N, C-alpha and C. Protein backbone atom coordinates (compact mmCIF):
# COMPACT_ATOMS: atom_id res chain seq x y z
N MET A 1 0.84 -1.18 0.00
CA MET A 1 0.00 0.00 0.00
C MET A 1 0.89 1.24 0.00
N LYS A 2 0.59 2.14 -0.89
CA LYS A 2 1.37 3.36 -1.03
C LYS A 2 0.72 4.46 -0.20
N ILE A 3 1.55 5.19 0.57
CA ILE A 3 1.04 6.30 1.38
C ILE A 3 1.08 7.56 0.53
N PRO A 4 -0.06 8.27 0.48
CA PRO A 4 -0.07 9.52 -0.30
C PRO A 4 0.95 10.51 0.26
N LYS A 5 1.65 11.22 -0.63
CA LYS A 5 2.69 12.16 -0.22
C LYS A 5 2.14 13.27 0.67
N LEU A 6 0.92 13.68 0.45
CA LEU A 6 0.33 14.75 1.23
C LEU A 6 0.17 14.35 2.70
N SER A 7 -0.07 13.08 2.98
CA SER A 7 -0.25 12.65 4.37
C SER A 7 1.07 12.58 5.12
N LEU A 8 2.19 12.58 4.43
CA LEU A 8 3.50 12.57 5.08
C LEU A 8 3.94 13.95 5.54
N VAL A 9 3.36 15.00 4.98
CA VAL A 9 3.74 16.36 5.34
C VAL A 9 3.56 16.63 6.84
N PRO A 10 2.39 16.28 7.44
CA PRO A 10 2.26 16.53 8.88
C PRO A 10 3.28 15.76 9.71
N ILE A 11 3.62 14.55 9.29
CA ILE A 11 4.61 13.75 10.02
C ILE A 11 5.97 14.43 9.98
N PHE A 12 6.38 14.91 8.80
CA PHE A 12 7.65 15.61 8.69
C PHE A 12 7.64 16.91 9.50
N ALA A 13 6.53 17.61 9.49
CA ALA A 13 6.42 18.87 10.23
C ALA A 13 6.54 18.62 11.73
N ILE A 14 5.85 17.59 12.22
CA ILE A 14 5.92 17.26 13.65
C ILE A 14 7.33 16.82 14.02
N THR A 15 7.94 16.00 13.19
CA THR A 15 9.30 15.55 13.45
C THR A 15 10.26 16.73 13.50
N ALA A 16 10.13 17.66 12.57
CA ALA A 16 10.99 18.85 12.55
C ALA A 16 10.79 19.69 13.80
N MET A 17 9.53 19.86 14.22
CA MET A 17 9.25 20.66 15.43
C MET A 17 9.85 19.99 16.66
N LEU A 18 9.69 18.68 16.80
CA LEU A 18 10.23 17.98 17.95
C LEU A 18 11.75 18.02 17.97
N THR A 19 12.36 17.85 16.82
CA THR A 19 13.81 17.88 16.73
C THR A 19 14.34 19.26 17.11
N THR A 20 13.74 20.30 16.59
CA THR A 20 14.16 21.66 16.91
C THR A 20 13.92 21.96 18.37
N ALA A 21 12.76 21.60 18.89
CA ALA A 21 12.45 21.84 20.30
C ALA A 21 13.38 21.05 21.19
N GLY A 22 13.67 19.82 20.80
CA GLY A 22 14.55 18.97 21.59
C GLY A 22 15.93 19.57 21.74
N CYS A 23 16.47 20.14 20.68
CA CYS A 23 17.80 20.74 20.75
C CYS A 23 17.79 21.95 21.66
N SER A 24 16.76 22.76 21.59
CA SER A 24 16.74 23.96 22.41
C SER A 24 16.44 23.61 23.87
N ILE A 25 15.72 22.52 24.11
CA ILE A 25 15.45 22.12 25.48
C ILE A 25 16.69 21.50 26.10
N ILE A 26 17.41 20.71 25.32
CA ILE A 26 18.56 20.01 25.85
C ILE A 26 19.65 21.00 26.26
N SER A 27 19.95 21.97 25.45
CA SER A 27 21.07 22.84 25.76
C SER A 27 20.94 24.18 25.06
N LYS A 28 21.35 25.22 25.77
CA LYS A 28 21.40 26.54 25.15
C LYS A 28 22.60 26.64 24.22
N SER A 29 23.63 25.89 24.53
CA SER A 29 24.81 25.90 23.67
C SER A 29 24.95 24.54 23.00
N PRO A 30 25.49 24.54 21.81
CA PRO A 30 25.58 23.29 21.06
C PRO A 30 26.61 22.31 21.62
N ASN A 31 27.45 22.74 22.57
CA ASN A 31 28.52 21.87 23.06
C ASN A 31 28.24 21.27 24.44
N GLY A 32 27.14 21.61 25.07
CA GLY A 32 26.77 21.03 26.36
C GLY A 32 27.50 21.60 27.56
N ASN A 33 28.35 22.58 27.35
CA ASN A 33 29.14 23.14 28.45
C ASN A 33 28.26 23.68 29.57
N ASP A 34 27.18 24.37 29.20
CA ASP A 34 26.31 24.96 30.22
C ASP A 34 25.63 23.89 31.06
N LEU A 35 25.22 22.80 30.44
CA LEU A 35 24.57 21.71 31.19
C LEU A 35 25.56 21.00 32.09
N ALA A 36 26.76 20.80 31.60
CA ALA A 36 27.81 20.17 32.42
C ALA A 36 28.09 21.04 33.64
N ALA A 37 28.25 22.33 33.43
CA ALA A 37 28.52 23.24 34.54
C ALA A 37 27.33 23.30 35.50
N GLN A 38 26.13 23.29 34.96
CA GLN A 38 24.94 23.32 35.81
C GLN A 38 24.90 22.07 36.70
N SER A 39 25.28 20.93 36.16
CA SER A 39 25.28 19.71 36.97
C SER A 39 26.31 19.81 38.09
N CYS A 40 27.30 20.67 37.91
CA CYS A 40 28.37 20.82 38.89
C CYS A 40 28.17 21.99 39.85
N SER A 41 27.14 22.80 39.63
CA SER A 41 26.91 23.91 40.55
C SER A 41 26.33 23.36 41.85
N ASN A 42 26.54 24.09 42.94
CA ASN A 42 26.18 23.55 44.25
C ASN A 42 24.70 23.18 44.37
N ASP A 43 23.80 23.85 43.65
CA ASP A 43 22.38 23.51 43.74
C ASP A 43 21.80 23.03 42.41
N ALA A 44 22.64 22.83 41.42
CA ALA A 44 22.25 22.36 40.08
C ALA A 44 21.22 23.28 39.42
N SER A 45 21.28 24.56 39.77
CA SER A 45 20.39 25.52 39.13
C SER A 45 21.13 26.14 37.94
N PRO A 46 20.41 26.86 37.08
CA PRO A 46 21.10 27.46 35.92
C PRO A 46 22.34 28.24 36.36
N ILE A 47 23.35 28.13 35.55
CA ILE A 47 24.67 28.64 35.88
C ILE A 47 24.72 30.17 35.75
N SER A 48 25.49 30.80 36.62
CA SER A 48 25.72 32.25 36.53
C SER A 48 27.18 32.49 36.94
N SER A 49 27.60 33.74 36.83
CA SER A 49 28.98 34.07 37.15
C SER A 49 29.27 33.92 38.65
N THR A 50 28.23 33.82 39.47
CA THR A 50 28.43 33.67 40.91
C THR A 50 28.15 32.25 41.40
N SER A 51 27.95 31.32 40.48
CA SER A 51 27.69 29.93 40.87
C SER A 51 28.89 29.36 41.60
N LYS A 52 28.60 28.50 42.56
CA LYS A 52 29.66 27.81 43.30
C LYS A 52 29.70 26.36 42.84
N ILE A 53 30.91 25.82 42.81
CA ILE A 53 31.11 24.44 42.36
C ILE A 53 30.88 23.48 43.55
N VAL A 54 30.48 22.26 43.26
CA VAL A 54 30.22 21.27 44.30
C VAL A 54 31.49 20.92 45.06
N LEU A 55 31.30 20.33 46.22
CA LEU A 55 32.43 19.90 47.03
C LEU A 55 33.25 18.83 46.30
N ILE A 56 34.50 18.72 46.66
CA ILE A 56 35.39 17.71 46.08
C ILE A 56 35.01 16.33 46.61
N GLY A 57 35.07 15.34 45.73
CA GLY A 57 34.83 13.96 46.12
C GLY A 57 33.37 13.55 46.04
N LEU A 58 33.11 12.29 46.36
CA LEU A 58 31.75 11.77 46.44
C LEU A 58 31.40 11.58 47.90
N ASP A 59 30.14 11.66 48.21
CA ASP A 59 29.68 11.51 49.59
C ASP A 59 29.48 10.02 49.88
N ASP A 60 30.49 9.39 50.47
CA ASP A 60 30.42 7.95 50.73
C ASP A 60 30.31 7.65 52.22
N ARG A 61 29.68 8.57 52.96
CA ARG A 61 29.47 8.32 54.38
C ARG A 61 28.70 7.01 54.58
N GLU A 62 28.91 6.38 55.70
CA GLU A 62 28.22 5.13 55.99
C GLU A 62 26.72 5.40 56.15
N PRO A 63 25.89 4.40 55.84
CA PRO A 63 24.43 4.57 55.92
C PRO A 63 23.95 5.11 57.26
N LYS A 64 24.57 4.70 58.35
CA LYS A 64 24.13 5.17 59.68
C LYS A 64 24.43 6.65 59.89
N ASP A 65 25.33 7.22 59.08
CA ASP A 65 25.75 8.61 59.26
C ASP A 65 24.99 9.61 58.39
N VAL A 66 24.05 9.14 57.58
CA VAL A 66 23.31 10.02 56.68
C VAL A 66 21.85 10.08 57.13
N PRO A 67 21.42 11.23 57.68
CA PRO A 67 20.02 11.33 58.11
C PRO A 67 19.05 11.14 56.93
N GLY A 68 17.90 10.55 57.21
CA GLY A 68 16.93 10.23 56.17
C GLY A 68 16.47 11.42 55.34
N ASP A 69 16.19 12.56 56.00
CA ASP A 69 15.73 13.73 55.25
C ASP A 69 16.84 14.28 54.35
N GLU A 70 18.07 14.22 54.84
CA GLU A 70 19.21 14.66 54.02
C GLU A 70 19.39 13.74 52.82
N LEU A 71 19.19 12.44 53.03
CA LEU A 71 19.35 11.46 51.95
C LEU A 71 18.29 11.66 50.87
N ALA A 72 17.06 11.97 51.28
CA ALA A 72 15.99 12.20 50.31
C ALA A 72 16.32 13.40 49.43
N ALA A 73 16.80 14.48 50.04
CA ALA A 73 17.18 15.68 49.28
C ALA A 73 18.38 15.37 48.38
N ARG A 74 19.31 14.59 48.90
CA ARG A 74 20.50 14.22 48.12
C ARG A 74 20.12 13.39 46.90
N LEU A 75 19.22 12.44 47.08
CA LEU A 75 18.79 11.61 45.95
C LEU A 75 18.16 12.45 44.86
N GLU A 76 17.34 13.39 45.26
CA GLU A 76 16.68 14.27 44.28
C GLU A 76 17.71 15.10 43.52
N LEU A 77 18.67 15.66 44.24
CA LEU A 77 19.71 16.48 43.62
C LEU A 77 20.65 15.62 42.75
N ASP A 78 21.01 14.45 43.24
CA ASP A 78 21.87 13.56 42.46
C ASP A 78 21.20 13.14 41.16
N GLN A 79 19.90 12.88 41.22
CA GLN A 79 19.18 12.50 40.01
C GLN A 79 19.17 13.67 39.02
N ARG A 80 18.96 14.87 39.53
CA ARG A 80 18.97 16.06 38.66
C ARG A 80 20.35 16.23 38.02
N ARG A 81 21.41 16.05 38.80
CA ARG A 81 22.77 16.16 38.28
C ARG A 81 23.02 15.10 37.20
N SER A 82 22.56 13.88 37.45
CA SER A 82 22.72 12.80 36.48
C SER A 82 22.04 13.13 35.17
N ILE A 83 20.84 13.67 35.26
CA ILE A 83 20.08 14.02 34.05
C ILE A 83 20.77 15.15 33.29
N LEU A 84 21.18 16.20 34.00
CA LEU A 84 21.85 17.32 33.35
C LEU A 84 23.14 16.89 32.66
N SER A 85 23.93 16.08 33.34
CA SER A 85 25.20 15.65 32.74
C SER A 85 24.96 14.67 31.59
N ALA A 86 23.90 13.86 31.68
CA ALA A 86 23.57 12.97 30.56
C ALA A 86 23.12 13.78 29.35
N GLN A 87 22.39 14.87 29.59
CA GLN A 87 21.99 15.75 28.49
C GLN A 87 23.23 16.41 27.87
N ALA A 88 24.17 16.80 28.72
CA ALA A 88 25.42 17.39 28.20
C ALA A 88 26.16 16.36 27.36
N ALA A 89 26.22 15.12 27.83
CA ALA A 89 26.90 14.06 27.09
C ALA A 89 26.17 13.73 25.79
N ALA A 90 24.85 13.85 25.80
CA ALA A 90 24.10 13.60 24.57
C ALA A 90 24.38 14.70 23.54
N THR A 91 24.68 15.89 24.03
CA THR A 91 25.02 17.01 23.15
C THR A 91 26.46 16.91 22.66
N ASN A 92 27.34 16.46 23.56
CA ASN A 92 28.76 16.37 23.23
C ASN A 92 29.36 15.22 24.04
N SER A 93 29.85 14.20 23.38
CA SER A 93 30.36 13.01 24.06
C SER A 93 31.55 13.31 24.98
N TYR A 94 32.14 14.47 24.85
CA TYR A 94 33.23 14.87 25.74
C TYR A 94 32.79 14.78 27.20
N TRP A 95 31.51 15.05 27.47
CA TRP A 95 30.99 15.09 28.83
C TRP A 95 30.55 13.73 29.36
N GLN A 96 30.75 12.64 28.61
CA GLN A 96 30.32 11.31 29.06
C GLN A 96 30.97 10.88 30.38
N PRO A 97 32.26 11.12 30.60
CA PRO A 97 32.83 10.74 31.91
C PRO A 97 32.16 11.46 33.08
N LEU A 98 31.77 12.70 32.88
CA LEU A 98 31.06 13.43 33.94
C LEU A 98 29.70 12.79 34.19
N ALA A 99 29.00 12.43 33.13
CA ALA A 99 27.70 11.77 33.29
C ALA A 99 27.86 10.44 34.02
N ASP A 100 28.90 9.69 33.70
CA ASP A 100 29.16 8.42 34.37
C ASP A 100 29.43 8.64 35.87
N ALA A 101 30.22 9.65 36.18
CA ALA A 101 30.54 9.92 37.58
C ALA A 101 29.31 10.32 38.37
N TRP A 102 28.46 11.18 37.79
CA TRP A 102 27.23 11.57 38.49
C TRP A 102 26.27 10.39 38.63
N ALA A 103 26.25 9.50 37.65
CA ALA A 103 25.40 8.31 37.75
C ALA A 103 25.89 7.42 38.90
N LEU A 104 27.20 7.32 39.08
CA LEU A 104 27.73 6.53 40.19
C LEU A 104 27.42 7.19 41.54
N GLU A 105 27.46 8.50 41.59
CA GLU A 105 27.09 9.22 42.82
C GLU A 105 25.63 8.93 43.17
N GLU A 106 24.77 8.98 42.15
CA GLU A 106 23.35 8.68 42.38
C GLU A 106 23.18 7.22 42.83
N ALA A 107 23.89 6.31 42.19
CA ALA A 107 23.80 4.89 42.57
C ALA A 107 24.28 4.68 44.01
N LEU A 108 25.32 5.38 44.40
CA LEU A 108 25.82 5.30 45.77
C LEU A 108 24.76 5.77 46.76
N ALA A 109 24.09 6.86 46.46
CA ALA A 109 23.03 7.36 47.33
C ALA A 109 21.89 6.34 47.43
N ARG A 110 21.56 5.70 46.32
CA ARG A 110 20.50 4.69 46.33
C ARG A 110 20.90 3.46 47.15
N VAL A 111 22.18 3.09 47.10
CA VAL A 111 22.67 1.96 47.91
C VAL A 111 22.60 2.32 49.39
N ILE A 112 22.92 3.54 49.73
CA ILE A 112 22.82 3.99 51.12
C ILE A 112 21.37 3.94 51.58
N LEU A 113 20.46 4.39 50.72
CA LEU A 113 19.03 4.33 51.05
C LEU A 113 18.59 2.88 51.27
N GLU A 114 19.00 2.00 50.38
CA GLU A 114 18.64 0.59 50.52
C GLU A 114 19.21 0.02 51.82
N SER A 115 20.42 0.41 52.17
CA SER A 115 21.02 -0.06 53.42
C SER A 115 20.23 0.44 54.62
N GLN A 116 19.71 1.65 54.53
CA GLN A 116 18.93 2.20 55.64
C GLN A 116 17.57 1.54 55.78
N THR A 117 17.01 1.09 54.67
CA THR A 117 15.68 0.47 54.75
C THR A 117 15.75 -0.99 55.19
N LYS A 118 16.91 -1.61 55.03
CA LYS A 118 17.10 -2.99 55.50
C LYS A 118 17.94 -2.93 56.76
N THR A 119 17.32 -3.20 57.88
CA THR A 119 18.03 -3.08 59.15
C THR A 119 18.14 -4.44 59.84
N THR A 120 19.10 -4.52 60.74
CA THR A 120 19.27 -5.68 61.59
C THR A 120 19.40 -5.17 63.03
N ALA A 121 19.13 -6.04 63.97
CA ALA A 121 19.24 -5.65 65.37
C ALA A 121 20.63 -5.99 65.89
N ASP A 122 21.20 -5.06 66.67
CA ASP A 122 22.48 -5.36 67.29
C ASP A 122 22.23 -6.12 68.60
N LEU A 123 23.26 -6.36 69.38
CA LEU A 123 23.13 -7.13 70.62
C LEU A 123 22.19 -6.48 71.63
N SER A 124 22.10 -5.17 71.60
CA SER A 124 21.22 -4.47 72.54
C SER A 124 19.79 -4.37 72.02
N GLY A 125 19.57 -4.81 70.78
CA GLY A 125 18.23 -4.76 70.20
C GLY A 125 17.98 -3.53 69.35
N ALA A 126 18.94 -2.63 69.30
CA ALA A 126 18.79 -1.41 68.48
C ALA A 126 18.94 -1.78 67.01
N LEU A 127 18.14 -1.13 66.18
CA LEU A 127 18.20 -1.38 64.74
C LEU A 127 19.34 -0.60 64.11
N ILE A 128 20.12 -1.30 63.31
CA ILE A 128 21.23 -0.66 62.60
C ILE A 128 21.11 -0.98 61.12
N PRO A 129 21.56 -0.07 60.26
CA PRO A 129 21.48 -0.34 58.82
C PRO A 129 22.27 -1.57 58.41
N ASP A 130 21.73 -2.33 57.49
CA ASP A 130 22.43 -3.50 56.92
C ASP A 130 23.36 -2.97 55.84
N LYS A 131 24.66 -3.08 56.07
CA LYS A 131 25.65 -2.50 55.16
C LYS A 131 26.08 -3.45 54.06
N THR A 132 25.40 -4.57 53.88
CA THR A 132 25.83 -5.56 52.90
C THR A 132 25.93 -4.95 51.50
N TYR A 133 24.87 -4.31 51.02
CA TYR A 133 24.87 -3.74 49.67
C TYR A 133 25.84 -2.58 49.56
N TYR A 134 25.91 -1.78 50.61
CA TYR A 134 26.83 -0.65 50.64
C TYR A 134 28.28 -1.14 50.50
N GLU A 135 28.64 -2.15 51.28
CA GLU A 135 30.00 -2.67 51.23
C GLU A 135 30.30 -3.34 49.88
N LYS A 136 29.31 -4.04 49.31
CA LYS A 136 29.51 -4.66 47.99
C LYS A 136 29.72 -3.58 46.93
N PHE A 137 28.94 -2.50 47.02
CA PHE A 137 29.08 -1.40 46.07
C PHE A 137 30.49 -0.82 46.15
N LEU A 138 30.94 -0.53 47.35
CA LEU A 138 32.27 0.06 47.52
C LEU A 138 33.37 -0.90 47.07
N ALA A 139 33.14 -2.21 47.23
CA ALA A 139 34.13 -3.19 46.80
C ALA A 139 34.19 -3.33 45.27
N ASN A 140 33.06 -3.08 44.60
CA ASN A 140 32.98 -3.32 43.16
C ASN A 140 33.09 -2.06 42.30
N VAL A 141 32.99 -0.90 42.90
CA VAL A 141 33.01 0.36 42.14
C VAL A 141 34.18 1.20 42.62
N ASN A 142 34.94 1.69 41.69
CA ASN A 142 36.08 2.54 42.03
C ASN A 142 35.56 3.96 42.23
N ILE A 143 35.09 4.24 43.45
CA ILE A 143 34.51 5.57 43.69
C ILE A 143 35.58 6.65 43.74
N ASP A 144 36.81 6.28 44.05
CA ASP A 144 37.89 7.28 44.02
C ASP A 144 38.08 7.80 42.60
N PHE A 145 38.08 6.88 41.63
CA PHE A 145 38.22 7.29 40.23
C PHE A 145 37.02 8.13 39.80
N ALA A 146 35.81 7.72 40.22
CA ALA A 146 34.61 8.48 39.88
C ALA A 146 34.68 9.89 40.48
N ALA A 147 35.16 9.99 41.70
CA ALA A 147 35.28 11.30 42.36
C ALA A 147 36.28 12.19 41.63
N ILE A 148 37.43 11.63 41.27
CA ILE A 148 38.45 12.40 40.55
C ILE A 148 37.91 12.85 39.20
N THR A 149 37.22 11.96 38.52
CA THR A 149 36.62 12.29 37.22
C THR A 149 35.61 13.42 37.37
N LYS A 150 34.74 13.28 38.35
CA LYS A 150 33.71 14.32 38.59
C LYS A 150 34.37 15.65 38.89
N ASP A 151 35.33 15.65 39.79
CA ASP A 151 36.00 16.89 40.18
C ASP A 151 36.71 17.54 38.99
N THR A 152 37.40 16.74 38.20
CA THR A 152 38.14 17.27 37.05
C THR A 152 37.19 17.86 36.02
N TYR A 153 36.17 17.11 35.64
CA TYR A 153 35.24 17.59 34.61
C TYR A 153 34.39 18.76 35.12
N CYS A 154 34.09 18.81 36.41
CA CYS A 154 33.37 19.96 36.94
C CYS A 154 34.23 21.22 36.83
N ARG A 155 35.50 21.11 37.18
CA ARG A 155 36.38 22.27 37.06
C ARG A 155 36.51 22.69 35.60
N ILE A 156 36.64 21.72 34.70
CA ILE A 156 36.73 22.04 33.27
C ILE A 156 35.47 22.76 32.81
N SER A 157 34.31 22.29 33.25
CA SER A 157 33.05 22.92 32.80
C SER A 157 32.97 24.37 33.26
N PHE A 158 33.43 24.66 34.47
CA PHE A 158 33.42 26.03 34.95
C PHE A 158 34.42 26.88 34.18
N VAL A 159 35.60 26.34 33.93
CA VAL A 159 36.63 27.08 33.20
C VAL A 159 36.16 27.39 31.78
N LYS A 160 35.52 26.42 31.13
CA LYS A 160 35.03 26.64 29.76
C LYS A 160 34.03 27.79 29.69
N LEU A 161 33.32 28.05 30.79
CA LEU A 161 32.34 29.15 30.81
C LEU A 161 32.89 30.39 31.52
N ASN A 162 34.19 30.38 31.82
CA ASN A 162 34.84 31.51 32.50
C ASN A 162 34.18 31.85 33.83
N ILE A 163 33.79 30.83 34.59
CA ILE A 163 33.20 31.03 35.90
C ILE A 163 34.28 30.75 36.94
N PRO A 164 34.51 31.68 37.86
CA PRO A 164 35.53 31.44 38.89
C PRO A 164 35.17 30.19 39.71
N ILE A 165 36.18 29.41 40.05
CA ILE A 165 35.93 28.19 40.83
C ILE A 165 35.96 28.55 42.31
N VAL A 166 34.76 28.60 42.88
CA VAL A 166 34.57 28.84 44.30
C VAL A 166 33.74 27.68 44.81
N TYR A 167 34.29 26.96 45.82
CA TYR A 167 33.61 25.78 46.31
C TYR A 167 32.53 26.17 47.31
N GLU A 168 31.43 25.40 47.28
CA GLU A 168 30.39 25.59 48.26
C GLU A 168 30.94 25.20 49.63
N THR A 169 30.31 25.66 50.68
CA THR A 169 30.76 25.28 52.01
C THR A 169 30.11 23.96 52.38
N SER A 170 30.79 23.19 53.16
CA SER A 170 30.31 21.88 53.54
C SER A 170 29.12 21.98 54.49
N PRO A 171 28.02 21.25 54.20
CA PRO A 171 26.86 21.28 55.08
C PRO A 171 27.08 20.41 56.32
N LYS A 172 28.16 19.64 56.35
CA LYS A 172 28.39 18.69 57.44
C LYS A 172 28.97 19.36 58.66
C-alpha cells in the first residue's frame, strides 16, 4: 500500500518541530558546556557568574551517618545532576565521563538508602542499617576514580564558561 505524499507532510512537520524543540530544550549551547557546569553547581540551578562548584569527592558516608531527610534531598539532587550531565553528554560526548561519575554518585546514594531500609538488630536490640549492599558497592566500584573524574570535569566545565571556581561550604 502506497502512502499519499500529502499525508507525510504533517509527520515531517511534527518531526521537525520535535527535533528543533529537543535541541533547544537540551542545551542553550551546542557543546553542552552549560549543562555540564549546571550539573556541577552547588544547587544544580542554571549557571551564573556567581555559581559555586560542588564539594570535592563523592559523599560515601556510611548509611548510619546520613540522616533520612538529608538522603531524600540528596537523591533528588543527584538524580537532577545525572540528568543534566547525561543531556550534556548527549550534546557532546566529551561530557560522558562526567555523566558516568554523576550516575555513580546517584547509585551510591541509592545503595545507602537501601542499606537504611534494610536493618538488623544489634546485641542491645537497636536497629542498625544493613551494610551488605553498601560494602559490595564500595568493593565493586572505584569511587575514588569516579570522584576524581567528577572533580576534574566539573572544574573544566566552569573554566570553559569563565566562571571562577569557588567551592560551596560543607553542610556537614
